[in-house]
Amino acid sequence: MAEAGSTEYLRKLLRKADEHCSAGSSDTVSTFYRNKPSSYFDDIKDKHNNIMEPYLKDHGGDPRCPINGRLKGLFFNVTLQGGTIPHKSPFGARRVKLPLSEVFNDSANLYFADFYCKRPRNHLRRSSQMVSRRRSRIHYVTLVLTRSGSDADRFCQQHLLKLDPQGNRYLSKKSSIYKTLDRDAVHVEVMYTESVDLTNRDLTSTPTIGQGQSTPGGIPKTVGCSICNVV
């Protein structure tokens, strides 16, 4: 169970997420996907024996997110666009995919960690422009997937909210069927806390959008957004 000091805050944040996502439906999904620049995967092959190892979570998102700077993992996306994995990515030109059945099995636990949107890069926009863009701003739901009994799992038991693997709206499994949220302008991201062996896995090329890579240190949560800020 999460610590008393953070439990109520996380519960309020989850209620915010549930409220915003209640109008969404669900997509059947079978794959985790992760995009990074080619140099990232080259480094793993050349210097890390093809093992993609978890690293410390940055300080992006909600500043009170319990995993910021405290838990190691690998971020994967699960959100589909039009029922398929997005053709482009803002995080890099190469993509690796993992079958959900390989990592989200009966020995895994799922936790809620964060709900946020990213503040605009141009902080000098007028408030009227900010208001007009607020409804279309992309929100992110952050989940953590652990191996039951691991050090990461014990951390999450103490600091996060455990989700029912069959009954939550963000990423669920029933038998061999996996479902994820289908909600306009909401992305579900999953931090997986185990290493991944890239041997015999296909790396595919994808076009990039935006800056084409993640921002070092992460992007802080938007202050004042009524959708994802807890009052």
Protein backbone atom coordinates (compact mmCIF):
# COMPACT_ATOMS: atom_id res chain seq x y z
CA MET A 1 0.00 0.00 0.00
CA ALA A 2 1.20 3.53 -0.72
CA GLU A 3 2.56 5.63 2.14
CA ALA A 4 -0.09 7.61 3.99
CA GLY A 5 1.38 10.94 2.90
CA SER A 6 1.06 10.12 -0.79
CA THR A 7 -1.94 7.81 -0.85
CA GLU A 8 -4.63 10.50 -0.77
CA TYR A 9 -2.85 12.61 -3.38
CA LEU A 10 -2.52 9.65 -5.75
CA ARG A 11 -6.14 8.67 -5.19
CA LYS A 12 -7.26 12.19 -6.11
CA LEU A 13 -5.01 12.10 -9.17
CA LEU A 14 -6.44 8.74 -10.22
CA ARG A 15 -9.97 10.11 -9.76
CA LYS A 16 -9.00 13.00 -12.05
CA ALA A 17 -7.77 10.53 -14.63
CA ASP A 18 -10.88 8.36 -14.29
CA GLU A 19 -13.14 11.40 -14.64
CA HIS A 20 -11.37 12.62 -17.78
CA CYS A 21 -11.17 9.16 -19.35
CA SER A 22 -14.68 7.99 -18.47
CA ALA A 23 -15.95 8.95 -21.92
CA GLY A 24 -13.36 6.76 -23.61
CA SER A 25 -13.79 3.27 -25.01
CA SER A 26 -11.19 0.52 -25.37
CA ASP A 27 -8.93 -0.99 -28.01
CA THR A 28 -7.75 -4.56 -28.17
CA VAL A 29 -3.97 -4.46 -28.05
CA SER A 30 -1.22 -7.05 -28.13
CA THR A 31 2.04 -5.10 -28.16
CA PHE A 32 4.23 -2.74 -26.18
CA TYR A 33 6.29 -0.43 -28.39
CA ARG A 34 9.28 1.77 -27.58
CA ASN A 35 10.97 4.31 -29.84
CA LYS A 36 14.44 5.74 -29.34
CA PRO A 37 17.13 7.23 -31.60
CA SER A 38 19.30 4.78 -33.53
CA SER A 39 22.31 5.72 -31.39
CA TYR A 40 20.50 4.43 -28.28
CA PHE A 41 20.07 0.95 -29.74
CA ASP A 42 23.58 0.96 -31.22
CA ASP A 43 25.01 1.68 -27.78
CA ILE A 44 23.03 -1.20 -26.24
CA LYS A 45 24.35 -3.58 -28.86
CA ASP A 46 27.96 -2.41 -28.68
CA LYS A 47 28.37 -1.78 -24.95
CA HIS A 48 25.62 -3.64 -23.07
CA ASN A 49 25.55 -7.08 -24.66
CA ASN A 50 22.21 -6.26 -26.31
CA ILE A 51 20.49 -5.90 -22.92
CA MET A 52 18.18 -2.90 -22.58
CA GLU A 53 18.52 -2.10 -18.90
CA PRO A 54 16.16 -0.01 -16.73
CA TYR A 55 17.35 3.47 -15.80
CA LEU A 56 16.23 6.06 -13.28
CA LYS A 57 12.94 7.84 -13.99
CA ASP A 58 13.43 11.53 -14.75
CA HIS A 59 11.45 14.39 -13.16
CA GLY A 60 8.93 14.86 -15.95
CA GLY A 61 5.23 14.88 -15.17
CA ASP A 62 3.71 15.64 -11.78
CA PRO A 63 6.41 16.85 -9.38
CA ARG A 64 4.82 14.72 -6.64
CA CYS A 65 4.95 11.53 -8.68
CA PRO A 66 6.56 8.98 -6.31
CA ILE A 67 8.70 7.33 -8.99
CA ASN A 68 10.48 10.52 -10.09
CA GLY A 69 14.20 10.06 -9.48
CA ARG A 70 13.52 6.95 -7.37
CA LEU A 71 12.58 4.01 -9.59
CA LYS A 72 14.31 2.49 -12.60
CA GLY A 73 12.43 1.30 -15.65
CA LEU A 74 11.94 1.37 -19.40
CA PHE A 75 9.07 3.35 -20.87
CA PHE A 76 6.83 1.69 -23.43
CA ASN A 77 3.73 2.98 -25.15
CA VAL A 78 0.53 1.04 -25.59
CA THR A 79 -1.87 3.60 -27.07
CA LEU A 80 -3.12 2.94 -30.58
CA GLN A 81 -4.26 5.36 -33.26
CA GLY A 82 -7.14 4.18 -35.38
CA GLY A 83 -6.70 0.71 -33.96
CA THR A 84 -3.04 0.38 -34.94
CA ILE A 85 0.37 1.35 -33.57
CA PRO A 86 1.17 4.93 -34.65
CA HIS A 87 3.24 5.19 -37.80
CA LYS A 88 5.37 8.08 -36.44
CA SER A 89 7.00 8.78 -33.10
CA PRO A 90 8.29 11.86 -31.25
CA PHE A 91 10.84 9.75 -29.35
CA GLY A 92 13.13 8.33 -32.03
CA ALA A 93 13.47 6.73 -35.44
CA ARG A 94 13.85 3.10 -34.34
CA ARG A 95 11.25 0.96 -32.63
CA VAL A 96 11.26 -2.27 -30.67
CA LYS A 97 8.07 -4.16 -29.89
CA LEU A 98 7.31 -6.65 -27.12
CA PRO A 99 4.33 -8.99 -26.98
CA LEU A 100 2.19 -8.04 -24.01
CA SER A 101 1.83 -11.71 -23.16
CA GLU A 102 5.58 -11.84 -22.52
CA VAL A 103 5.66 -9.12 -19.87
CA PHE A 104 2.08 -8.61 -18.61
CA ASN A 105 1.45 -12.13 -17.36
CA ASP A 106 0.27 -13.70 -14.11
CA SER A 107 3.60 -12.92 -12.42
CA ALA A 108 3.28 -9.18 -13.09
CA ASN A 109 1.69 -6.39 -11.07
CA LEU A 110 0.31 -3.13 -12.45
CA TYR A 111 0.30 0.22 -10.63
CA PHE A 112 -0.97 3.75 -11.24
CA ALA A 113 1.76 6.39 -10.94
CA ASP A 114 0.82 9.65 -12.67
CA PHE A 115 -1.65 11.70 -14.72
CA TYR A 116 -0.41 14.88 -16.34
CA CYS A 117 -0.09 17.06 -19.40
CA LYS A 118 3.04 18.83 -20.58
CA ARG A 119 3.37 22.57 -20.43
CA PRO A 120 3.82 24.38 -23.75
CA ARG A 121 7.42 24.92 -24.86
CA ASN A 122 6.78 28.61 -25.45
CA HIS A 123 6.06 29.98 -21.99
CA LEU A 124 5.38 33.44 -23.42
CA ARG A 125 2.04 32.55 -25.00
CA ARG A 126 -0.83 34.77 -23.97
CA SER A 127 -3.33 33.32 -21.54
CA SER A 128 -6.11 33.41 -24.15
CA GLN A 129 -4.04 31.19 -26.43
CA MET A 130 -3.38 28.85 -23.52
CA VAL A 131 -7.10 28.52 -22.82
CA SER A 132 -7.93 27.81 -26.45
CA ARG A 133 -5.37 24.98 -26.55
CA ARG A 134 -6.23 23.45 -23.17
CA ARG A 135 -8.96 21.15 -24.42
CA SER A 136 -6.75 19.65 -27.12
CA ARG A 137 -3.64 19.25 -24.96
CA ILE A 138 -2.48 15.65 -24.75
CA HIS A 139 -2.71 14.01 -21.34
CA TYR A 140 -0.66 11.05 -20.18
CA VAL A 141 -1.54 8.24 -17.80
CA THR A 142 1.60 6.62 -16.38
CA LEU A 143 1.45 3.01 -15.22
CA VAL A 144 4.22 0.84 -13.76
CA LEU A 145 4.49 -2.85 -14.60
CA THR A 146 6.61 -4.97 -12.24
CA ARG A 147 7.61 -8.56 -11.69
CA SER A 148 5.86 -9.72 -8.53
CA GLY A 149 8.25 -9.97 -5.60
CA SER A 150 11.00 -7.86 -7.18
CA ASP A 151 12.62 -4.87 -5.48
CA ALA A 152 10.72 -2.60 -7.85
CA ASP A 153 7.47 -4.34 -6.96
CA ARG A 154 8.08 -3.83 -3.25
CA PHE A 155 8.77 -0.15 -3.89
CA CYS A 156 5.52 0.19 -5.83
CA GLN A 157 3.55 -1.58 -3.11
CA GLN A 158 4.72 1.10 -0.68
CA HIS A 159 4.42 4.17 -2.89
CA LEU A 160 1.87 3.61 -5.69
CA LEU A 161 -1.72 2.44 -6.16
CA LYS A 162 -2.12 -1.14 -7.34
CA LEU A 163 -4.61 -1.63 -10.16
CA ASP A 164 -6.86 -4.59 -10.80
CA PRO A 165 -5.29 -6.22 -13.89
CA GLN A 166 -8.72 -7.23 -15.13
CA GLY A 167 -10.80 -4.27 -14.05
CA ASN A 168 -8.96 -1.03 -14.82
CA ARG A 169 -9.67 1.13 -17.88
CA TYR A 170 -6.05 1.85 -18.86
CA LEU A 171 -4.48 -1.55 -19.51
CA SER A 172 -6.26 -4.77 -18.63
CA LYS A 173 -6.01 -8.46 -19.38
CA LYS A 174 -8.60 -11.22 -19.33
CA SER A 175 -7.20 -14.59 -20.32
CA SER A 176 -5.16 -13.80 -23.44
CA ILE A 177 -7.08 -10.64 -24.40
CA TYR A 178 -5.54 -7.26 -23.59
CA LYS A 179 -7.41 -3.95 -23.68
CA THR A 180 -6.16 -0.39 -23.47
CA LEU A 181 -7.86 2.99 -23.26
CA ASP A 182 -9.12 4.60 -26.44
CA ARG A 183 -9.68 8.24 -25.52
CA ASP A 184 -9.01 11.26 -27.69
CA ALA A 185 -5.78 13.07 -26.70
CA VAL A 186 -4.89 10.62 -23.90
CA HIS A 187 -1.81 8.41 -24.09
CA VAL A 188 -1.14 5.46 -21.80
CA GLU A 189 2.56 4.95 -21.07
CA VAL A 190 3.92 2.00 -19.12
CA MET A 191 7.19 1.93 -17.21
CA TYR A 192 8.45 -1.67 -17.23
CA THR A 193 10.92 -2.33 -14.42
CA GLU A 194 12.79 -5.34 -15.85
CA SER A 195 15.63 -5.61 -18.37
CA VAL A 196 14.82 -6.60 -21.95
CA ASP A 197 17.08 -8.72 -24.13
CA LEU A 198 17.06 -7.31 -27.65
CA THR A 199 18.62 -10.42 -29.19
CA ASN A 200 16.44 -11.77 -32.00
CA ARG A 201 14.06 -8.82 -31.75
CA ASP A 202 13.34 -6.78 -34.84
CA LEU A 203 14.12 -3.08 -34.76
CA THR A 204 12.06 -1.17 -37.29
CA SER A 205 12.54 2.32 -38.69
CA THR A 206 9.82 4.90 -38.14
CA PRO A 207 9.46 8.54 -39.18
CA THR A 208 9.80 11.03 -36.35
CA ILE A 209 7.72 14.05 -35.44
CA GLY A 210 8.64 17.04 -33.31
CA GLN A 211 12.18 16.99 -31.97
CA GLY A 212 12.45 13.25 -32.56
CA GLN A 213 13.77 12.38 -29.12
CA SER A 214 12.78 12.67 -25.47
CA THR A 215 13.72 15.79 -23.51
CA PRO A 216 16.60 15.24 -21.04
CA GLY A 217 15.26 15.57 -17.49
CA GLY A 218 11.66 15.35 -18.66
CA ILE A 219 9.01 18.02 -19.17
CA PRO A 220 7.20 19.26 -16.04
CA LYS A 221 3.46 19.02 -15.65
CA THR A 222 1.37 22.01 -16.73
CA VAL A 223 0.58 24.18 -13.75
CA GLY A 224 -3.07 25.20 -13.53
CA CYS A 225 -4.60 22.64 -15.88
CA SER A 226 -8.04 21.92 -14.44
CA ILE A 227 -8.11 18.44 -15.98
CA CYS A 228 -5.04 16.94 -14.28
CA ASN A 229 -4.12 19.18 -11.35
CA VAL A 230 -5.26 18.19 -7.87
CA VAL A 231 -6.67 21.08 -5.88
